[in-house]
Amino acid sequence: MTWLLLLCLWACHVSGDKRIDYSGYTVHRFQVDTSSNTMEKLESFDMELDETTKTARLLLDVWAEPSKSNPYADVLVAPEFLSKFKSMLTASELATLKLLEGDIQSQINAERHAMLRNSISRRRKRSLMKSWTDFDTNSYHSYEEMMKFMKLLGEQKSDMVEVLKVATSSEGRTIYGVKIHPPGASPPEKPSIIVDAGVHAREWIAPAVALFLIRKIVSEYGSNPRVTANLDKFDWYIVPQVNPDGYEYSRISDRLWRKTRSKNTTVNRWCMGADANRNWGYRWGEAGANRTPCSNIYMGSHPYSEPEIRGLKDFFTWQIANPMVYISLHSYGQLLLSPWGYTNERTENYQDQQSAAREAAQAIKNTTGVSYSYGTISEMMYPASGTSIDFMQHRGVPYIYGVELRPTDNPNSFAFNLPPSYIRATGDEMLAALNAIGDHAVKIKRL
């Protein structure tokens, strides 16, 4: 098949959607002056709205916030905003400014071309996939492929896997999760580990790692002692793609799309979606909230305005009787973030949560050599309200972490375009981390 025909096939796949072009956009890193309000000022200039054409153009997007362990910020800047961006930095911040990527579109193009080169064999594999073991967890997949894998798994490993409907998205996609347990019946009071991923559309490594975990646990139960011991103690609930609308939009139209794809029916109607991790009802609209519909961190018109989050909340509340561990996978930053997000106050079980996080970080280090830092959302990064992390803490789940996956310490600035060759190692270190947290819970809670 010729390259031109391959391009044609890809063009047909995107169904006529116009791709957002980020030519000229640059990515910068600088050390943040903690005495300044630079980050707050920058985030207020994220979008330029054109009332005449009813369009919004991204001017600036904070990709990585500074933390106590990593005082650097990564920021995407539109070419026409670069001069203004530099003028907003303090002298000390400007002195540390480093260009990470001179044209982010070139990185997006490289990723797209790699996907094009693999599309023929992937297409053939999809048509031939008759077993869940045929699913390649070392690739990024469409949501349709994810669903097929989960359904095959439920059919062919019905003694261990139940496929569960979690919610329906704004565009009508069914959001599925799986429950994994040892062969046979599982008692309803058995403690559970919950993992969700894909909350932010552009963070492709997160759902890929969740799918890796599903396959790894099912395939290695009975042969891998750590996997076997963990599953004997805990049932696993994994929802690998919470935001399928946004994810598919990031695949075919806007690689850097973050939000859901709900329609805004109030002001700025051409700005779509909400930040699914600002839409939870507990402490919604407080610290770190953004009420501008065009913003990447827009909290939504009201708590649980997004059907994806409303469905996820009901699923967690009514279908999981004894949640012990909750992990929400994101990228990037290599962090294990615990509650609270809405306040600088510490939770009652802060020390226990930090002890488990310390053991998880050490397990990651022992597995792949990669360093993860840990602490609360507010003390490590920035105030954020309406998050799933705070909701689960309020509900009483003991061990809760928002995990920012790779990259950070890689010499290449992959950001959200992490090559699929990193999926396996990132999945291995996450399984090691979850096993460590599970071991800690067994010991402390005497399970």
Protein backbone atom coordinates (compact mmCIF):
# COMPACT_ATOMS: atom_id res chain seq x y z
CA MET A 1 0.00 0.00 0.00
CA THR A 2 1.43 3.39 -0.96
CA TRP A 3 2.08 6.22 1.47
CA LEU A 4 -0.49 8.41 -0.32
CA LEU A 5 -3.15 5.74 0.05
CA LEU A 6 -2.27 5.41 3.71
CA LEU A 7 -2.74 9.15 4.12
CA CYS A 8 -6.08 8.85 2.38
CA LEU A 9 -7.18 6.12 4.76
CA TRP A 10 -6.22 8.27 7.71
CA ALA A 11 -8.06 11.26 6.27
CA CYS A 12 -11.17 9.11 5.83
CA HIS A 13 -10.82 7.97 9.44
CA VAL A 14 -11.04 11.50 10.81
CA SER A 15 -14.39 11.93 9.02
CA GLY A 16 -13.77 15.40 7.76
CA ASP A 17 -12.89 16.96 11.13
CA LYS A 18 -10.46 19.84 10.76
CA ARG A 19 -7.30 19.34 12.74
CA ILE A 20 -6.10 22.13 15.00
CA ASP A 21 -2.69 23.35 13.87
CA TYR A 22 -0.14 24.27 16.54
CA SER A 23 2.56 25.42 14.14
CA GLY A 24 4.78 28.01 15.79
CA TYR A 25 3.66 27.14 19.32
CA THR A 26 6.66 26.70 21.62
CA VAL A 27 7.12 24.96 24.97
CA HIS A 28 9.17 26.67 27.67
CA ARG A 29 10.42 25.70 31.12
CA PHE A 30 11.40 28.15 33.83
CA GLN A 31 11.98 28.15 37.57
CA VAL A 32 9.12 29.88 39.32
CA ASP A 33 9.79 32.66 41.78
CA THR A 34 7.62 31.62 44.75
CA SER A 35 7.32 35.24 45.86
CA SER A 36 5.67 36.20 42.57
CA ASN A 37 2.15 35.65 41.25
CA THR A 38 3.46 34.70 37.82
CA MET A 39 1.48 31.50 37.43
CA GLU A 40 -1.79 33.18 38.37
CA LYS A 41 -1.17 35.97 35.86
CA LEU A 42 -0.21 33.57 33.09
CA GLU A 43 -3.28 31.37 33.52
CA SER A 44 -5.56 34.40 33.17
CA PHE A 45 -4.32 34.84 29.58
CA ASP A 46 -5.00 31.29 28.38
CA MET A 47 -7.54 32.03 25.62
CA GLU A 48 -8.25 34.80 23.11
CA LEU A 49 -11.93 35.07 22.24
CA ASP A 50 -13.22 36.48 18.96
CA GLU A 51 -16.85 37.50 19.38
CA THR A 52 -17.19 38.22 15.67
CA THR A 53 -16.11 34.82 14.39
CA LYS A 54 -17.27 32.96 17.52
CA THR A 55 -13.91 31.28 17.90
CA ALA A 56 -11.37 30.89 20.68
CA ARG A 57 -7.61 30.60 20.15
CA LEU A 58 -5.25 29.16 22.73
CA LEU A 59 -2.61 31.68 23.71
CA LEU A 60 -1.02 29.95 26.66
CA ASP A 61 -1.41 26.56 28.35
CA VAL A 62 0.31 25.54 31.58
CA TRP A 63 1.37 21.94 31.04
CA ALA A 64 3.22 21.35 34.29
CA GLU A 65 2.78 23.40 37.43
CA PRO A 66 5.73 23.93 39.77
CA SER A 67 5.81 21.79 42.90
CA LYS A 68 7.92 21.62 46.03
CA SER A 69 9.97 18.81 44.54
CA ASN A 70 10.19 20.41 41.10
CA PRO A 71 10.03 24.24 41.11
CA TYR A 72 9.83 24.43 37.30
CA ALA A 73 6.79 25.21 35.16
CA ASP A 74 6.27 23.99 31.58
CA VAL A 75 4.19 26.34 29.44
CA LEU A 76 2.93 26.15 25.84
CA VAL A 77 2.90 29.59 24.19
CA ALA A 78 1.31 30.77 20.93
CA PRO A 79 3.74 32.62 18.62
CA GLU A 80 1.84 35.91 18.83
CA PHE A 81 1.89 35.77 22.66
CA LEU A 82 5.57 34.94 23.14
CA SER A 83 6.74 38.52 23.70
CA LYS A 84 3.95 39.18 26.20
CA PHE A 85 4.71 35.89 27.95
CA LYS A 86 8.35 36.79 28.46
CA SER A 87 7.44 40.26 29.70
CA MET A 88 5.26 38.70 32.42
CA LEU A 89 8.14 36.72 33.93
CA THR A 90 10.24 38.17 36.72
CA ALA A 91 13.91 38.80 36.05
CA SER A 92 14.93 35.67 37.97
CA GLU A 93 12.35 33.56 36.11
CA LEU A 94 13.42 34.94 32.75
CA ALA A 95 17.02 34.07 33.55
CA THR A 96 16.12 30.38 33.91
CA LEU A 97 13.88 30.26 30.82
CA LYS A 98 14.67 27.26 28.61
CA LEU A 99 13.13 26.35 25.26
CA LEU A 100 11.99 22.71 25.36
CA GLU A 101 10.29 22.54 21.97
CA GLY A 102 10.63 25.06 19.14
CA ASP A 103 7.50 23.96 17.29
CA ILE A 104 5.09 21.61 19.06
CA GLN A 105 3.33 20.82 15.79
CA SER A 106 6.46 19.00 14.63
CA GLN A 107 6.19 16.72 17.66
CA ILE A 108 2.50 16.15 16.98
CA ASN A 109 3.30 15.39 13.32
CA ALA A 110 6.00 12.91 14.32
CA GLU A 111 3.55 11.09 16.57
CA ARG A 112 0.90 11.09 13.84
CA HIS A 113 3.33 9.75 11.23
CA ALA A 114 4.34 6.95 13.60
CA MET A 115 0.67 6.07 13.99
CA LEU A 116 0.26 6.14 10.21
CA ARG A 117 3.17 3.75 9.72
CA ASN A 118 1.61 1.33 12.18
CA SER A 119 -1.95 1.68 10.89
CA ILE A 120 -1.81 -1.13 8.30
CA SER A 121 -0.63 -3.78 10.73
CA ARG A 122 -2.93 -2.39 13.43
CA ARG A 123 -5.89 -2.56 11.06
CA ARG A 124 -5.06 -6.17 10.24
CA LYS A 125 -4.64 -7.07 13.92
CA ARG A 126 -7.99 -5.48 14.80
CA SER A 127 -9.79 -7.56 12.20
CA LEU A 128 -8.06 -10.71 13.42
CA MET A 129 -8.46 -10.06 17.15
CA LYS A 130 -10.50 -13.02 18.33
CA SER A 131 -9.04 -13.28 21.82
CA TRP A 132 -8.26 -10.81 24.59
CA THR A 133 -4.67 -12.09 24.45
CA ASP A 134 -4.35 -10.59 20.95
CA PHE A 135 -4.68 -7.08 22.37
CA ASP A 136 -1.41 -5.13 22.21
CA THR A 137 -0.96 -3.09 25.38
CA ASN A 138 2.21 -1.51 24.00
CA SER A 139 0.24 0.76 21.63
CA TYR A 140 -2.19 3.64 21.92
CA HIS A 141 -5.68 2.51 20.92
CA SER A 142 -8.95 4.04 19.81
CA TYR A 143 -11.83 3.88 22.25
CA GLU A 144 -13.53 1.32 20.01
CA GLU A 145 -10.50 -0.96 20.34
CA MET A 146 -10.50 -0.51 24.13
CA MET A 147 -14.15 -1.55 24.33
CA LYS A 148 -13.56 -4.60 22.13
CA PHE A 149 -10.72 -5.72 24.39
CA MET A 150 -12.82 -5.36 27.55
CA LYS A 151 -15.79 -7.18 26.02
CA LEU A 152 -13.62 -10.07 24.81
CA LEU A 153 -12.04 -10.26 28.23
CA GLY A 154 -15.45 -10.40 29.90
CA GLU A 155 -16.61 -13.14 27.55
CA GLN A 156 -13.47 -15.28 27.60
CA LYS A 157 -12.45 -14.80 31.25
CA SER A 158 -15.91 -14.61 32.76
CA ASP A 159 -14.72 -16.47 35.86
CA MET A 160 -12.48 -13.49 36.72
CA VAL A 161 -13.74 -10.43 34.83
CA GLU A 162 -17.06 -8.61 34.83
CA VAL A 163 -17.62 -5.79 32.34
CA LEU A 164 -19.63 -2.99 33.93
CA LYS A 165 -21.41 -0.02 32.40
CA VAL A 166 -20.28 3.06 34.28
CA ALA A 167 -21.86 6.00 32.43
CA THR A 168 -22.84 7.45 29.07
CA SER A 169 -20.85 10.37 27.67
CA SER A 170 -22.21 13.64 26.29
CA GLU A 171 -21.89 12.28 22.73
CA GLY A 172 -23.56 8.98 23.61
CA ARG A 173 -20.56 6.69 24.10
CA THR A 174 -20.92 4.01 26.76
CA ILE A 175 -18.18 4.18 29.37
CA TYR A 176 -17.16 0.72 30.53
CA GLY A 177 -15.11 -0.54 33.44
CA VAL A 178 -14.06 -3.98 34.56
CA LYS A 179 -14.18 -5.75 37.90
CA ILE A 180 -11.34 -8.27 38.32
CA HIS A 181 -11.43 -10.91 41.05
CA PRO A 182 -10.06 -14.42 41.64
CA PRO A 183 -11.96 -17.21 39.84
CA GLY A 184 -15.33 -17.85 41.43
CA ALA A 185 -17.67 -15.71 43.48
CA SER A 186 -16.35 -12.66 45.28
CA PRO A 187 -17.86 -11.63 48.64
CA PRO A 188 -19.49 -8.16 48.50
CA GLU A 189 -17.62 -6.93 51.57
CA LYS A 190 -14.19 -7.68 50.07
CA PRO A 191 -11.98 -4.55 49.97
CA SER A 192 -11.36 -3.02 46.57
CA ILE A 193 -8.73 -1.13 44.61
CA ILE A 194 -10.18 1.41 42.16
CA VAL A 195 -8.30 2.84 39.17
CA ASP A 196 -9.64 5.36 36.67
CA ALA A 197 -7.86 7.02 33.77
CA GLY A 198 -8.35 9.25 30.75
CA VAL A 199 -9.99 12.07 32.71
CA HIS A 200 -7.99 14.55 30.64
CA ALA A 201 -8.19 13.69 26.96
CA ARG A 202 -4.63 14.49 25.84
CA GLU A 203 -2.99 12.36 28.55
CA TRP A 204 -2.82 9.22 26.42
CA ILE A 205 -0.37 7.36 28.65
CA ALA A 206 -2.98 7.17 31.44
CA PRO A 207 -5.59 4.94 29.71
CA ALA A 208 -2.76 2.94 28.13
CA VAL A 209 -1.38 2.13 31.59
CA ALA A 210 -4.86 1.24 32.88
CA LEU A 211 -5.31 -1.24 30.01
CA PHE A 212 -1.83 -2.61 30.72
CA LEU A 213 -2.84 -3.21 34.35
CA ILE A 214 -6.02 -5.04 33.32
CA ARG A 215 -4.19 -7.44 31.05
CA LYS A 216 -1.27 -7.93 33.43
CA ILE A 217 -3.45 -8.80 36.42
CA VAL A 218 -5.67 -11.23 34.51
CA SER A 219 -2.83 -12.94 32.64
CA GLU A 220 -0.47 -13.29 35.61
CA TYR A 221 -2.89 -14.33 38.35
CA GLY A 222 -1.71 -17.71 39.59
CA SER A 223 1.80 -17.35 38.15
CA ASN A 224 3.02 -14.02 39.54
CA PRO A 225 3.10 -14.22 43.37
CA ARG A 226 2.65 -10.44 43.90
CA VAL A 227 -0.27 -10.19 41.48
CA THR A 228 -1.87 -13.32 42.94
CA ALA A 229 -1.54 -12.19 46.57
CA ASN A 230 -2.91 -8.75 45.76
CA LEU A 231 -5.95 -10.05 43.88
CA ASP A 232 -6.66 -12.55 46.65
CA LYS A 233 -6.90 -9.61 49.07
CA PHE A 234 -8.58 -7.02 46.82
CA ASP A 235 -11.06 -6.89 43.99
CA TRP A 236 -9.95 -4.45 41.29
CA TYR A 237 -12.26 -1.98 39.56
CA ILE A 238 -10.59 -0.32 36.56
CA VAL A 239 -12.22 2.29 34.29
CA PRO A 240 -9.55 2.86 31.62
CA GLN A 241 -11.23 5.70 29.71
CA VAL A 242 -13.44 8.12 31.65
CA ASN A 243 -13.59 10.76 28.91
CA PRO A 244 -14.00 8.94 25.56
CA ASP A 245 -15.44 11.95 23.72
CA GLY A 246 -12.47 14.15 24.56
CA TYR A 247 -10.04 11.31 23.90
CA GLU A 248 -11.36 10.62 20.42
CA TYR A 249 -11.38 14.35 19.68
CA SER A 250 -7.71 14.51 20.73
CA ARG A 251 -6.96 11.63 18.36
CA ILE A 252 -8.62 13.06 15.27
CA SER A 253 -8.87 16.85 15.66
CA ASP A 254 -6.97 18.52 18.51
CA ARG A 255 -4.09 16.54 19.99
CA LEU A 256 -3.87 18.89 22.98
CA TRP A 257 -7.58 18.81 23.90
CA ARG A 258 -8.04 18.36 27.66
CA LYS A 259 -11.74 18.69 28.54
CA THR A 260 -14.95 16.79 27.91
CA ARG A 261 -17.01 17.62 24.80
CA SER A 262 -20.28 18.76 26.36
CA LYS A 263 -22.07 21.71 24.78
CA ASN A 264 -22.10 24.95 26.71
CA THR A 265 -25.61 26.38 26.58
CA THR A 266 -24.92 29.68 28.37
CA VAL A 267 -22.21 32.22 27.50
CA ASN A 268 -19.46 31.55 24.95
CA ARG A 269 -21.50 28.78 23.36
CA TRP A 270 -18.75 27.93 20.90
CA CYS A 271 -16.46 26.89 23.77
CA MET A 272 -17.11 23.24 24.56
CA GLY A 273 -16.48 20.94 27.49
CA ALA A 274 -15.42 21.15 31.11
CA ASP A 275 -12.46 19.95 33.10
CA ALA A 276 -13.73 16.60 34.34
CA ASN A 277 -11.48 16.83 37.39
CA ARG A 278 -12.99 20.11 38.54
CA ASN A 279 -16.60 18.93 38.21
CA TRP A 280 -17.04 16.74 41.30
CA GLY A 281 -19.55 18.02 43.84
CA TYR A 282 -17.42 18.03 46.97
CA ARG A 283 -16.09 21.57 47.46
CA TRP A 284 -16.99 22.37 43.87
CA GLY A 285 -16.19 25.90 42.74
CA GLU A 286 -13.87 26.80 45.60
CA ALA A 287 -10.06 27.15 45.48
CA GLY A 288 -8.51 27.01 42.04
CA ALA A 289 -11.87 27.00 40.25
CA ASN A 290 -12.33 28.67 36.87
CA ARG A 291 -15.75 29.88 35.74
CA THR A 292 -14.79 30.73 32.15
CA PRO A 293 -16.23 28.13 29.74
CA CYS A 294 -13.34 28.49 27.30
CA SER A 295 -10.72 27.78 29.95
CA ASN A 296 -8.96 24.42 30.03
CA ILE A 297 -9.79 24.17 33.74
CA TYR A 298 -13.44 25.27 33.48
CA MET A 299 -15.30 23.66 36.38
CA GLY A 300 -18.61 23.21 34.53
CA SER A 301 -21.92 25.03 34.92
CA HIS A 302 -22.79 23.17 38.13
CA PRO A 303 -21.57 20.16 40.15
CA TYR A 304 -21.76 16.95 38.12
CA SER A 305 -22.82 18.87 35.01
CA GLU A 306 -20.77 16.36 32.99
CA PRO A 307 -22.60 13.03 32.54
CA GLU A 308 -19.29 11.20 32.63
CA ILE A 309 -18.57 12.44 36.17
CA ARG A 310 -22.15 12.05 37.32
CA GLY A 311 -22.09 8.43 36.19
CA LEU A 312 -18.68 7.79 37.73
CA LYS A 313 -19.84 9.19 41.07
CA ASP A 314 -22.92 6.94 41.07
CA PHE A 315 -20.78 3.94 40.09
CA PHE A 316 -18.30 4.53 42.90
CA THR A 317 -21.08 5.19 45.41
CA TRP A 318 -23.50 2.37 44.68
CA GLN A 319 -21.53 -0.43 43.02
CA ILE A 320 -18.37 -0.60 45.15
CA ALA A 321 -19.11 -1.59 48.73
CA ASN A 322 -15.70 -1.45 50.41
CA PRO A 323 -13.22 0.82 48.57
CA MET A 324 -9.80 0.73 50.19
CA VAL A 325 -7.53 2.29 47.54
CA TYR A 326 -8.39 4.83 44.83
CA ILE A 327 -5.97 5.86 42.09
CA SER A 328 -6.69 8.35 39.29
CA LEU A 329 -4.08 8.21 36.51
CA HIS A 330 -2.96 11.43 34.82
CA SER A 331 0.14 12.86 33.17
CA TYR A 332 2.64 14.30 33.55
CA GLY A 333 5.00 15.03 36.45
CA GLN A 334 5.88 11.76 38.25
CA LEU A 335 3.93 12.59 41.39
CA LEU A 336 1.70 10.74 43.87
CA LEU A 337 -0.80 13.38 45.03
CA SER A 338 -3.08 12.82 48.01
CA PRO A 339 -5.92 14.98 49.46
CA TRP A 340 -6.71 17.69 50.10
CA GLY A 341 -6.73 19.78 46.98
CA TYR A 342 -9.17 22.51 48.02
CA THR A 343 -7.29 23.49 51.19
CA ASN A 344 -3.79 23.45 52.66
CA GLU A 345 -5.10 21.64 55.73
CA ARG A 346 -4.06 18.04 56.17
CA THR A 347 -6.40 15.07 56.31
CA GLU A 348 -6.84 13.15 59.56
CA ASN A 349 -4.98 10.20 58.06
CA TYR A 350 -2.30 12.32 56.39
CA GLN A 351 0.65 10.48 57.96
CA ASP A 352 -0.70 7.07 56.97
CA GLN A 353 -1.35 8.23 53.40
CA GLN A 354 2.17 9.63 53.14
CA SER A 355 3.67 6.41 54.52
CA ALA A 356 1.87 4.39 51.84
CA ALA A 357 2.96 6.87 49.16
CA ARG A 358 6.56 6.62 50.35
CA GLU A 359 6.44 2.83 50.01
CA ALA A 360 4.86 3.17 46.54
CA ALA A 361 7.56 5.59 45.40
CA GLN A 362 10.25 3.22 46.64
CA ALA A 363 8.58 0.31 44.82
CA ILE A 364 8.65 2.34 41.59
CA LYS A 365 12.31 3.17 42.12
CA ASN A 366 13.10 -0.50 42.72
CA THR A 367 11.20 -1.55 39.57
CA THR A 368 12.32 0.91 36.90
CA GLY A 369 14.72 3.31 38.60
CA VAL A 370 12.37 6.24 38.02
CA SER A 371 11.78 8.78 40.81
CA TYR A 372 8.28 9.82 41.90
CA SER A 373 7.64 12.48 44.54
CA TYR A 374 4.63 12.53 46.86
CA GLY A 375 2.54 14.87 48.99
CA THR A 376 -0.89 16.49 48.97
CA ILE A 377 -2.23 18.28 45.89
CA SER A 378 -2.21 21.66 47.60
CA GLU A 379 1.23 21.38 49.17
CA MET A 380 2.93 19.86 46.12
CA MET A 381 1.25 21.82 43.34
CA TYR A 382 -1.65 24.26 43.60
CA PRO A 383 -5.15 24.59 45.09
CA ALA A 384 -7.76 22.61 43.15
CA SER A 385 -11.37 22.02 44.12
CA GLY A 386 -14.05 19.74 42.70
CA THR A 387 -11.61 16.83 42.26
CA SER A 388 -12.27 13.10 42.50
CA ILE A 389 -9.43 12.88 45.04
CA ASP A 390 -11.22 15.15 47.52
CA PHE A 391 -14.56 13.43 46.84
CA MET A 392 -13.10 10.02 47.71
CA GLN A 393 -11.45 11.40 50.85
CA HIS A 394 -14.76 12.89 51.95
CA ARG A 395 -16.36 9.50 51.34
CA GLY A 396 -13.84 7.89 53.68
CA VAL A 397 -11.60 5.90 51.34
CA PRO A 398 -8.29 5.43 53.24
CA TYR A 399 -5.66 5.51 50.47
CA ILE A 400 -6.21 8.02 47.66
CA TYR A 401 -3.77 9.33 45.05
CA GLY A 402 -3.89 11.29 41.86
CA VAL A 403 -0.90 9.93 39.98
CA GLU A 404 0.94 12.12 37.50
CA LEU A 405 2.73 9.62 35.28
CA ARG A 406 5.81 10.11 33.12
CA PRO A 407 7.63 12.06 31.88
CA THR A 408 9.65 14.44 34.02
CA ASP A 409 13.19 13.18 34.37
CA ASN A 410 13.56 12.11 30.74
CA PRO A 411 16.10 14.26 28.80
CA ASN A 412 13.59 14.51 25.94
CA SER A 413 10.56 16.76 26.41
CA PHE A 414 7.84 14.34 25.36
CA ALA A 415 5.16 15.89 27.61
CA PHE A 416 1.79 14.49 26.45
CA ASN A 417 3.35 12.86 23.37
CA LEU A 418 5.07 10.08 25.29
CA PRO A 419 6.03 7.36 22.77
CA PRO A 420 4.22 4.03 23.17
CA SER A 421 7.56 2.35 23.87
CA TYR A 422 7.24 3.77 27.41
CA ILE A 423 3.88 2.13 28.17
CA ARG A 424 5.28 -1.17 29.46
CA ALA A 425 7.76 0.36 31.91
CA THR A 426 5.22 2.91 33.13
CA GLY A 427 2.67 0.12 33.61
CA ASP A 428 5.16 -2.06 35.47
CA GLU A 429 6.02 0.74 37.88
CA MET A 430 2.34 1.53 38.50
CA LEU A 431 1.56 -2.11 39.26
CA ALA A 432 4.50 -2.15 41.69
CA ALA A 433 3.20 1.04 43.32
CA LEU A 434 -0.32 -0.34 43.70
CA ASN A 435 0.98 -3.62 45.10
CA ALA A 436 2.98 -1.63 47.67
CA ILE A 437 -0.05 0.45 48.66
CA GLY A 438 -2.10 -2.74 48.90
CA ASP A 439 0.53 -4.36 51.13
CA HIS A 440 0.52 -1.27 53.33
CA ALA A 441 -3.27 -1.35 53.61
CA VAL A 442 -3.25 -5.06 54.52
CA LYS A 443 -0.74 -4.39 57.28
CA ILE A 444 -2.28 -1.22 58.73
CA LYS A 445 -5.95 -2.17 58.32
CA ARG A 446 -5.30 -5.81 59.26
CA LEU A 447 -7.09 -7.15 56.22
